[in-house]
Amino acid sequence: LAGIRKSFGARSVLKGCDLNVANGEIMAVLGPSGCGKTTML
């Protein structure tokens, strides 16, 4: 993921999300509710 942005109306949820997950890797995305984890997924 490179520079991913996503808004819902006036609410900005993802603000330039960068992440690289390697082949065969288990990557955990950790964060509080509302930080954008599920939107990214």
PDB file of all heavy atoms in Angstrom:
ATOM      1  N   LEU A   1       0.863  -1.175   0.000  1.00  0.00           N
ATOM      2  CA  LEU A   1       0.000   0.000   0.000  1.00  0.00           C
ATOM      3  C   LEU A   1       0.903   1.230   0.000  1.00  0.00           C
ATOM      4  O   LEU A   1       1.812   1.337   0.835  1.00  0.00           O
ATOM      5  CB  LEU A   1      -0.901   0.037   1.233  1.00  0.00           C
ATOM      6  CG  LEU A   1      -1.935  -1.079   1.385  1.00  0.00           C
ATOM      7  CD1 LEU A   1      -1.341  -2.262   2.152  1.00  0.00           C
ATOM      8  CD2 LEU A   1      -3.177  -0.569   2.112  1.00  0.00           C
ATOM      9  N   ALA A   2       0.647   2.143  -0.918  1.00  0.00           N
ATOM     10  CA  ALA A   2       1.484   3.339  -1.035  1.00  0.00           C
ATOM     11  C   ALA A   2       0.603   4.578  -1.106  1.00  0.00           C
ATOM     12  O   ALA A   2      -0.148   4.765  -2.071  1.00  0.00           O
ATOM     13  CB  ALA A   2       2.363   3.255  -2.288  1.00  0.00           C
ATOM     14  N   GLY A   3       0.669   5.401  -0.063  1.00  0.00           N
ATOM     15  CA  GLY A   3      -0.050   6.671  -0.044  1.00  0.00           C
ATOM     16  C   GLY A   3      -1.553   6.536  -0.120  1.00  0.00           C
ATOM     17  O   GLY A   3      -2.230   7.405  -0.689  1.00  0.00           O
ATOM     18  N   ILE A   4      -2.108   5.485   0.480  1.00  0.00           N
ATOM     19  CA  ILE A   4      -3.548   5.243   0.394  1.00  0.00           C
ATOM     20  C   ILE A   4      -4.313   6.277   1.228  1.00  0.00           C
ATOM     21  O   ILE A   4      -4.048   6.455   2.417  1.00  0.00           O
ATOM     22  CB  ILE A   4      -3.914   3.824   0.870  1.00  0.00           C
ATOM     23  CG1 ILE A   4      -3.281   2.768  -0.043  1.00  0.00           C
ATOM     24  CG2 ILE A   4      -5.423   3.658   0.957  1.00  0.00           C
ATOM     25  CD1 ILE A   4      -3.885   2.702  -1.425  1.00  0.00           C
ATOM     26  N   ARG A   5      -5.275   6.916   0.571  1.00  0.00           N
ATOM     27  CA  ARG A   5      -6.144   7.875   1.248  1.00  0.00           C
ATOM     28  C   ARG A   5      -7.608   7.498   1.019  1.00  0.00           C
ATOM     29  O   ARG A   5      -7.965   7.017  -0.061  1.00  0.00           O
ATOM     30  CB  ARG A   5      -5.897   9.306   0.731  1.00  0.00           C
ATOM     31  CG  ARG A   5      -4.500   9.835   1.060  1.00  0.00           C
ATOM     32  CD  ARG A   5      -4.285  11.246   0.524  1.00  0.00           C
ATOM     33  NE  ARG A   5      -2.969  11.738   0.886  1.00  0.00           N
ATOM     34  CZ  ARG A   5      -2.677  12.358   2.032  1.00  0.00           C
ATOM     35  NH1 ARG A   5      -3.656  12.581   2.908  1.00  0.00           N
ATOM     36  NH2 ARG A   5      -1.469  12.761   2.289  1.00  0.00           N
ATOM     37  N   LYS A   6      -8.426   7.723   2.031  1.00  0.00           N
ATOM     38  CA  LYS A   6      -9.852   7.450   1.900  1.00  0.00           C
ATOM     39  C   LYS A   6     -10.627   8.350   2.847  1.00  0.00           C
ATOM     40  O   LYS A   6     -10.300   8.463   4.033  1.00  0.00           O
ATOM     41  CB  LYS A   6     -10.156   5.975   2.229  1.00  0.00           C
ATOM     42  CG  LYS A   6     -11.618   5.588   2.024  1.00  0.00           C
ATOM     43  CD  LYS A   6     -12.016   5.650   0.555  1.00  0.00           C
ATOM     44  CE  LYS A   6     -13.459   5.271   0.347  1.00  0.00           C
ATOM     45  NZ  LYS A   6     -13.853   5.361  -1.090  1.00  0.00           N
ATOM     46  N   SER A   7     -11.669   8.994   2.281  1.00  0.00           N
ATOM     47  CA  SER A   7     -12.549   9.841   3.077  1.00  0.00           C
ATOM     48  C   SER A   7     -13.982   9.406   2.872  1.00  0.00           C
ATOM     49  O   SER A   7     -14.349   8.872   1.816  1.00  0.00           O
ATOM     50  CB  SER A   7     -12.394  11.312   2.678  1.00  0.00           C
ATOM     51  OG  SER A   7     -11.087  11.783   2.955  1.00  0.00           O
ATOM     52  N   PHE A   8     -14.800   9.649   3.875  1.00  0.00           N
ATOM     53  CA  PHE A   8     -16.233   9.454   3.784  1.00  0.00           C
ATOM     54  C   PHE A   8     -16.882  10.807   4.063  1.00  0.00           C
ATOM     55  O   PHE A   8     -16.937  11.239   5.215  1.00  0.00           O
ATOM     56  CB  PHE A   8     -16.709   8.395   4.776  1.00  0.00           C
ATOM     57  CG  PHE A   8     -16.118   7.028   4.516  1.00  0.00           C
ATOM     58  CD1 PHE A   8     -15.014   6.592   5.255  1.00  0.00           C
ATOM     59  CD2 PHE A   8     -16.642   6.203   3.541  1.00  0.00           C
ATOM     60  CE1 PHE A   8     -14.467   5.339   5.022  1.00  0.00           C
ATOM     61  CE2 PHE A   8     -16.085   4.947   3.298  1.00  0.00           C
ATOM     62  CZ  PHE A   8     -15.005   4.517   4.036  1.00  0.00           C
ATOM     63  N   GLY A   9     -17.291  11.470   3.018  1.00  0.00           N
ATOM     64  CA  GLY A   9     -17.774  12.834   3.169  1.00  0.00           C
ATOM     65  C   GLY A   9     -16.638  13.737   3.608  1.00  0.00           C
ATOM     66  O   GLY A   9     -15.547  13.726   3.020  1.00  0.00           O
ATOM     67  N   ALA A  10     -16.882  14.493   4.668  1.00  0.00           N
ATOM     68  CA  ALA A  10     -15.838  15.399   5.171  1.00  0.00           C
ATOM     69  C   ALA A  10     -14.874  14.710   6.116  1.00  0.00           C
ATOM     70  O   ALA A  10     -13.881  15.321   6.546  1.00  0.00           O
ATOM     71  CB  ALA A  10     -16.501  16.577   5.887  1.00  0.00           C
ATOM     72  N   ARG A  11     -15.119  13.429   6.424  1.00  0.00           N
ATOM     73  CA  ARG A  11     -14.278  12.726   7.407  1.00  0.00           C
ATOM     74  C   ARG A  11     -13.162  11.965   6.701  1.00  0.00           C
ATOM     75  O   ARG A  11     -13.411  11.041   5.936  1.00  0.00           O
ATOM     76  CB  ARG A  11     -15.123  11.769   8.243  1.00  0.00           C
ATOM     77  CG  ARG A  11     -14.355  11.087   9.360  1.00  0.00           C
ATOM     78  CD  ARG A  11     -15.323  10.389  10.302  1.00  0.00           C
ATOM     79  NE  ARG A  11     -16.018   9.284   9.648  1.00  0.00           N
ATOM     80  CZ  ARG A  11     -15.627   8.022   9.730  1.00  0.00           C
ATOM     81  NH1 ARG A  11     -14.535   7.689  10.417  1.00  0.00           N
ATOM     82  NH2 ARG A  11     -16.320   7.078   9.133  1.00  0.00           N
ATOM     83  N   SER A  12     -11.938  12.352   6.970  1.00  0.00           N
ATOM     84  CA  SER A  12     -10.760  11.683   6.402  1.00  0.00           C
ATOM     85  C   SER A  12     -10.378  10.513   7.298  1.00  0.00           C
ATOM     86  O   SER A  12     -10.064  10.703   8.465  1.00  0.00           O
ATOM     87  CB  SER A  12      -9.595  12.671   6.281  1.00  0.00           C
ATOM     88  OG  SER A  12      -8.452  12.027   5.762  1.00  0.00           O
ATOM     89  N   VAL A  13     -10.408   9.288   6.742  1.00  0.00           N
ATOM     90  CA  VAL A  13     -10.143   8.085   7.535  1.00  0.00           C
ATOM     91  C   VAL A  13      -8.719   7.585   7.322  1.00  0.00           C
ATOM     92  O   VAL A  13      -8.013   7.281   8.276  1.00  0.00           O
ATOM     93  CB  VAL A  13     -11.158   6.978   7.176  1.00  0.00           C
ATOM     94  CG1 VAL A  13     -10.846   5.696   7.943  1.00  0.00           C
ATOM     95  CG2 VAL A  13     -12.578   7.442   7.485  1.00  0.00           C
ATOM     96  N   LEU A  14      -8.285   7.469   6.079  1.00  0.00           N
ATOM     97  CA  LEU A  14      -6.900   7.096   5.770  1.00  0.00           C
ATOM     98  C   LEU A  14      -6.198   8.316   5.193  1.00  0.00           C
ATOM     99  O   LEU A  14      -6.687   8.937   4.251  1.00  0.00           O
ATOM    100  CB  LEU A  14      -6.859   5.925   4.791  1.00  0.00           C
ATOM    101  CG  LEU A  14      -7.473   4.610   5.285  1.00  0.00           C
ATOM    102  CD1 LEU A  14      -7.368   3.527   4.207  1.00  0.00           C
ATOM    103  CD2 LEU A  14      -6.818   4.137   6.572  1.00  0.00           C
ATOM    104  N   LYS A  15      -5.011   8.633   5.735  1.00  0.00           N
ATOM    105  CA  LYS A  15      -4.361   9.912   5.427  1.00  0.00           C
ATOM    106  C   LYS A  15      -2.961   9.723   4.846  1.00  0.00           C
ATOM    107  O   LYS A  15      -2.015  10.397   5.228  1.00  0.00           O
ATOM    108  CB  LYS A  15      -4.296  10.767   6.698  1.00  0.00           C
ATOM    109  CG  LYS A  15      -5.661  10.979   7.345  1.00  0.00           C
ATOM    110  CD  LYS A  15      -5.555  11.682   8.679  1.00  0.00           C
ATOM    111  CE  LYS A  15      -6.923  11.831   9.323  1.00  0.00           C
ATOM    112  NZ  LYS A  15      -6.853  12.489  10.656  1.00  0.00           N
ATOM    113  N   GLY A  16      -2.843   8.771   3.940  1.00  0.00           N
ATOM    114  CA  GLY A  16      -1.530   8.477   3.369  1.00  0.00           C
ATOM    115  C   GLY A  16      -0.941   7.251   4.025  1.00  0.00           C
ATOM    116  O   GLY A  16       0.089   7.317   4.692  1.00  0.00           O
ATOM    117  N   CYS A  17      -1.608   6.126   3.838  1.00  0.00           N
ATOM    118  CA  CYS A  17      -1.246   4.885   4.515  1.00  0.00           C
ATOM    119  C   CYS A  17      -0.233   4.109   3.667  1.00  0.00           C
ATOM    120  O   CYS A  17      -0.499   3.811   2.502  1.00  0.00           O
ATOM    121  CB  CYS A  17      -2.510   4.065   4.743  1.00  0.00           C
ATOM    122  SG  CYS A  17      -2.276   2.642   5.782  1.00  0.00           S
ATOM    123  N   ASP A  18       0.923   3.791   4.243  1.00  0.00           N
ATOM    124  CA  ASP A  18       1.976   3.037   3.562  1.00  0.00           C
ATOM    125  C   ASP A  18       2.267   1.765   4.344  1.00  0.00           C
ATOM    126  O   ASP A  18       2.499   1.818   5.552  1.00  0.00           O
ATOM    127  CB  ASP A  18       3.265   3.863   3.464  1.00  0.00           C
ATOM    128  CG  ASP A  18       3.079   5.147   2.680  1.00  0.00           C
ATOM    129  OD1 ASP A  18       2.713   5.062   1.498  1.00  0.00           O
ATOM    130  OD2 ASP A  18       3.272   6.228   3.265  1.00  0.00           O
ATOM    131  N   LEU A  19       2.285   0.627   3.637  1.00  0.00           N
ATOM    132  CA  LEU A  19       2.553  -0.649   4.298  1.00  0.00           C
ATOM    133  C   LEU A  19       3.010  -1.657   3.258  1.00  0.00           C
ATOM    134  O   LEU A  19       2.452  -1.723   2.164  1.00  0.00           O
ATOM    135  CB  LEU A  19       1.299  -1.174   5.008  1.00  0.00           C
ATOM    136  CG  LEU A  19       1.442  -2.470   5.814  1.00  0.00           C
ATOM    137  CD1 LEU A  19       2.397  -2.268   6.985  1.00  0.00           C
ATOM    138  CD2 LEU A  19       0.083  -2.951   6.313  1.00  0.00           C
ATOM    139  N   ASN A  20       4.025  -2.438   3.619  1.00  0.00           N
ATOM    140  CA  ASN A  20       4.497  -3.507   2.744  1.00  0.00           C
ATOM    141  C   ASN A  20       4.480  -4.820   3.515  1.00  0.00           C
ATOM    142  O   ASN A  20       5.107  -4.941   4.568  1.00  0.00           O
ATOM    143  CB  ASN A  20       5.924  -3.217   2.255  1.00  0.00           C
ATOM    144  CG  ASN A  20       6.388  -4.245   1.248  1.00  0.00           C
ATOM    145  OD1 ASN A  20       5.864  -4.338   0.142  1.00  0.00           O
ATOM    146  ND2 ASN A  20       7.376  -5.041   1.627  1.00  0.00           N
ATOM    147  N   VAL A  21       3.720  -5.795   3.003  1.00  0.00           N
ATOM    148  CA  VAL A  21       3.599  -7.110   3.621  1.00  0.00           C
ATOM    149  C   VAL A  21       4.304  -8.117   2.722  1.00  0.00           C
ATOM    150  O   VAL A  21       3.964  -8.250   1.547  1.00  0.00           O
ATOM    151  CB  VAL A  21       2.117  -7.515   3.807  1.00  0.00           C
ATOM    152  CG1 VAL A  21       2.024  -8.825   4.586  1.00  0.00           C
ATOM    153  CG2 VAL A  21       1.345  -6.410   4.525  1.00  0.00           C
ATOM    154  N   ALA A  22       5.286  -8.832   3.260  1.00  0.00           N
ATOM    155  CA  ALA A  22       6.093  -9.753   2.461  1.00  0.00           C
ATOM    156  C   ALA A  22       5.334 -11.028   2.147  1.00  0.00           C
ATOM    157  O   ALA A  22       4.352 -11.384   2.813  1.00  0.00           O
ATOM    158  CB  ALA A  22       7.388 -10.080   3.212  1.00  0.00           C
ATOM    159  N   ASN A  23       5.800 -11.747   1.138  1.00  0.00           N
ATOM    160  CA  ASN A  23       5.223 -13.040   0.784  1.00  0.00           C
ATOM    161  C   ASN A  23       5.232 -13.985   1.986  1.00  0.00           C
ATOM    162  O   ASN A  23       6.265 -14.163   2.642  1.00  0.00           O
ATOM    163  CB  ASN A  23       6.026 -13.686  -0.346  1.00  0.00           C
ATOM    164  CG  ASN A  23       5.664 -13.123  -1.702  1.00  0.00           C
ATOM    165  OD1 ASN A  23       4.494 -12.887  -1.986  1.00  0.00           O
ATOM    166  ND2 ASN A  23       6.655 -12.904  -2.546  1.00  0.00           N
ATOM    167  N   GLY A  24       4.111 -14.595   2.281  1.00  0.00           N
ATOM    168  CA  GLY A  24       4.031 -15.584   3.349  1.00  0.00           C
ATOM    169  C   GLY A  24       4.091 -15.030   4.754  1.00  0.00           C
ATOM    170  O   GLY A  24       4.162 -15.783   5.716  1.00  0.00           O
ATOM    171  N   GLU A  25       4.030 -13.725   4.901  1.00  0.00           N
ATOM    172  CA  GLU A  25       4.142 -13.084   6.210  1.00  0.00           C
ATOM    173  C   GLU A  25       2.767 -12.899   6.852  1.00  0.00           C
ATOM    174  O   GLU A  25       1.780 -12.626   6.163  1.00  0.00           O
ATOM    175  CB  GLU A  25       4.816 -11.721   6.050  1.00  0.00           C
ATOM    176  CG  GLU A  25       4.972 -10.932   7.338  1.00  0.00           C
ATOM    177  CD  GLU A  25       5.690  -9.606   7.135  1.00  0.00           C
ATOM    178  OE1 GLU A  25       5.405  -8.916   6.132  1.00  0.00           O
ATOM    179  OE2 GLU A  25       6.534  -9.260   7.978  1.00  0.00           O
ATOM    180  N   ILE A  26       2.715 -13.054   8.177  1.00  0.00           N
ATOM    181  CA  ILE A  26       1.528 -12.650   8.935  1.00  0.00           C
ATOM    182  C   ILE A  26       1.810 -11.264   9.501  1.00  0.00           C
ATOM    183  O   ILE A  26       2.690 -11.093  10.351  1.00  0.00           O
ATOM    184  CB  ILE A  26       1.214 -13.629  10.080  1.00  0.00           C
ATOM    185  CG1 ILE A  26       0.955 -15.036   9.538  1.00  0.00           C
ATOM    186  CG2 ILE A  26      -0.006 -13.149  10.862  1.00  0.00           C
ATOM    187  CD1 ILE A  26       0.718 -16.076  10.622  1.00  0.00           C
ATOM    188  N   MET A  27       1.091 -10.280   9.000  1.00  0.00           N
ATOM    189  CA  MET A  27       1.237  -8.897   9.450  1.00  0.00           C
ATOM    190  C   MET A  27       0.031  -8.524  10.294  1.00  0.00           C
ATOM    191  O   MET A  27      -1.112  -8.653   9.842  1.00  0.00           O
ATOM    192  CB  MET A  27       1.326  -7.955   8.249  1.00  0.00           C
ATOM    193  CG  MET A  27       1.317  -6.472   8.600  1.00  0.00           C
ATOM    194  SD  MET A  27       2.845  -5.906   9.399  1.00  0.00           S
ATOM    195  CE  MET A  27       3.923  -5.837   7.946  1.00  0.00           C
ATOM    196  N   ALA A  28       0.258  -8.112  11.523  1.00  0.00           N
ATOM    197  CA  ALA A  28      -0.824  -7.602  12.359  1.00  0.00           C
ATOM    198  C   ALA A  28      -0.868  -6.090  12.238  1.00  0.00           C
ATOM    199  O   ALA A  28       0.171  -5.426  12.271  1.00  0.00           O
ATOM    200  CB  ALA A  28      -0.616  -8.007  13.816  1.00  0.00           C
ATOM    201  N   VAL A  29      -2.060  -5.552  12.074  1.00  0.00           N
ATOM    202  CA  VAL A  29      -2.264  -4.104  12.081  1.00  0.00           C
ATOM    203  C   VAL A  29      -2.974  -3.771  13.381  1.00  0.00           C
ATOM    204  O   VAL A  29      -4.130  -4.171  13.598  1.00  0.00           O
ATOM    205  CB  VAL A  29      -3.077  -3.634  10.858  1.00  0.00           C
ATOM    206  CG1 VAL A  29      -3.262  -2.116  10.904  1.00  0.00           C
ATOM    207  CG2 VAL A  29      -2.375  -4.042   9.564  1.00  0.00           C
ATOM    208  N   LEU A  30      -2.276  -3.067  14.255  1.00  0.00           N
ATOM    209  CA  LEU A  30      -2.736  -2.810  15.619  1.00  0.00           C
ATOM    210  C   LEU A  30      -3.111  -1.349  15.781  1.00  0.00           C
ATOM    211  O   LEU A  30      -2.344  -0.461  15.400  1.00  0.00           O
ATOM    212  CB  LEU A  30      -1.623  -3.179  16.609  1.00  0.00           C
ATOM    213  CG  LEU A  30      -1.853  -2.890  18.088  1.00  0.00           C
ATOM    214  CD1 LEU A  30      -2.966  -3.762  18.643  1.00  0.00           C
ATOM    215  CD2 LEU A  30      -0.556  -3.108  18.882  1.00  0.00           C
ATOM    216  N   GLY A  31      -4.271  -1.113  16.353  1.00  0.00           N
ATOM    217  CA  GLY A  31      -4.667   0.266  16.599  1.00  0.00           C
ATOM    218  C   GLY A  31      -6.034   0.325  17.252  1.00  0.00           C
ATOM    219  O   GLY A  31      -6.787  -0.651  17.240  1.00  0.00           O
ATOM    220  N   PRO A  32      -6.392   1.484  17.815  1.00  0.00           N
ATOM    221  CA  PRO A  32      -7.684   1.622  18.494  1.00  0.00           C
ATOM    222  C   PRO A  32      -8.829   1.691  17.495  1.00  0.00           C
ATOM    223  O   PRO A  32      -8.624   1.898  16.293  1.00  0.00           O
ATOM    224  CB  PRO A  32      -7.527   2.944  19.253  1.00  0.00           C
ATOM    225  CG  PRO A  32      -6.565   3.734  18.406  1.00  0.00           C
ATOM    226  CD  PRO A  32      -5.597   2.725  17.859  1.00  0.00           C
ATOM    227  N   SER A  33     -10.040   1.529  17.988  1.00  0.00           N
ATOM    228  CA  SER A  33     -11.217   1.660  17.140  1.00  0.00           C
ATOM    229  C   SER A  33     -11.246   3.053  16.507  1.00  0.00           C
ATOM    230  O   SER A  33     -10.965   4.051  17.175  1.00  0.00           O
ATOM    231  CB  SER A  33     -12.496   1.449  17.958  1.00  0.00           C
ATOM    232  OG  SER A  33     -12.534   0.141  18.495  1.00  0.00           O
ATOM    233  N   GLY A  34     -11.582   3.100  15.221  1.00  0.00           N
ATOM    234  CA  GLY A  34     -11.690   4.375  14.524  1.00  0.00           C
ATOM    235  C   GLY A  34     -10.419   4.873  13.883  1.00  0.00           C
ATOM    236  O   GLY A  34     -10.414   5.948  13.268  1.00  0.00           O
ATOM    237  N   CYS A  35      -9.313   4.109  13.993  1.00  0.00           N
ATOM    238  CA  CYS A  35      -8.046   4.602  13.432  1.00  0.00           C
ATOM    239  C   CYS A  35      -7.924   4.318  11.934  1.00  0.00           C
ATOM    240  O   CYS A  35      -7.002   4.812  11.286  1.00  0.00           O
ATOM    241  CB  CYS A  35      -6.852   4.009  14.178  1.00  0.00           C
ATOM    242  SG  CYS A  35      -6.563   2.256  13.850  1.00  0.00           S
ATOM    243  N   GLY A  36      -8.812   3.490  11.367  1.00  0.00           N
ATOM    244  CA  GLY A  36      -8.773   3.224   9.930  1.00  0.00           C
ATOM    245  C   GLY A  36      -8.391   1.811   9.549  1.00  0.00           C
ATOM    246  O   GLY A  36      -8.260   1.504   8.356  1.00  0.00           O
ATOM    247  N   LYS A  37      -8.249   0.913  10.535  1.00  0.00           N
ATOM    248  CA  LYS A  37      -7.779  -0.446  10.252  1.00  0.00           C
ATOM    249  C   LYS A  37      -8.715  -1.202   9.300  1.00  0.00           C
ATOM    250  O   LYS A  37      -8.274  -1.764   8.293  1.00  0.00           O
ATOM    251  CB  LYS A  37      -7.653  -1.264  11.548  1.00  0.00           C
ATOM    252  CG  LYS A  37      -6.800  -0.670  12.628  1.00  0.00           C
ATOM    253  CD  LYS A  37      -6.647  -1.606  13.802  1.00  0.00           C
ATOM    254  CE  LYS A  37      -7.935  -2.037  14.451  1.00  0.00           C
ATOM    255  NZ  LYS A  37      -8.689  -0.932  15.072  1.00  0.00           N
ATOM    256  N   THR A  38      -9.994  -1.223   9.631  1.00  0.00           N
ATOM    257  CA  THR A  38     -10.940  -1.990   8.817  1.00  0.00           C
ATOM    258  C   THR A  38     -11.121  -1.359   7.445  1.00  0.00           C
ATOM    259  O   THR A  38     -11.259  -2.074   6.440  1.00  0.00           O
ATOM    260  CB  THR A  38     -12.288  -2.111   9.548  1.00  0.00           C
ATOM    261  OG1 THR A  38     -12.099  -2.896  10.732  1.00  0.00           O
ATOM    262  CG2 THR A  38     -13.326  -2.791   8.674  1.00  0.00           C
ATOM    263  N   THR A  39     -11.091  -0.034   7.364  1.00  0.00           N
ATOM    264  CA  THR A  39     -11.177   0.627   6.055  1.00  0.00           C
ATOM    265  C   THR A  39     -10.007   0.207   5.174  1.00  0.00           C
ATOM    266  O   THR A  39     -10.184  -0.097   3.988  1.00  0.00           O
ATOM    267  CB  THR A  39     -11.193   2.157   6.236  1.00  0.00           C
ATOM    268  OG1 THR A  39     -12.356   2.534   6.977  1.00  0.00           O
ATOM    269  CG2 THR A  39     -11.202   2.863   4.886  1.00  0.00           C
ATOM    270  N   MET A  40      -8.818   0.164   5.741  1.00  0.00           N
ATOM    271  CA  MET A  40      -7.647  -0.285   4.983  1.00  0.00           C
ATOM    272  C   MET A  40      -7.830  -1.719   4.500  1.00  0.00           C
ATOM    273  O   MET A  40      -7.542  -2.054   3.355  1.00  0.00           O
ATOM    274  CB  MET A  40      -6.394  -0.182   5.852  1.00  0.00           C
ATOM    275  CG  MET A  40      -5.111  -0.528   5.121  1.00  0.00           C
ATOM    276  SD  MET A  40      -3.725  -0.824   6.247  1.00  0.00           S
ATOM    277  CE  MET A  40      -4.174  -2.440   6.868  1.00  0.00           C
ATOM    278  N   LEU A  41      -8.337  -2.581   5.391  1.00  0.00           N
ATOM    279  CA  LEU A  41      -8.534  -3.985   5.039  1.00  0.00           C
ATOM    280  C   LEU A  41      -9.559  -4.125   3.908  1.00  0.00           C
ATOM    281  O   LEU A  41      -9.379  -4.928   2.983  1.00  0.00           O
ATOM    282  CB  LEU A  41      -8.996  -4.766   6.270  1.00  0.00           C
ATOM    283  CG  LEU A  41      -8.627  -6.246   6.328  1.00  0.00           C
ATOM    284  CD1 LEU A  41      -7.124  -6.411   6.460  1.00  0.00           C
ATOM    285  CD2 LEU A  41      -9.338  -6.932   7.488  1.00  0.00           C
TER     286      LEU A  41
END
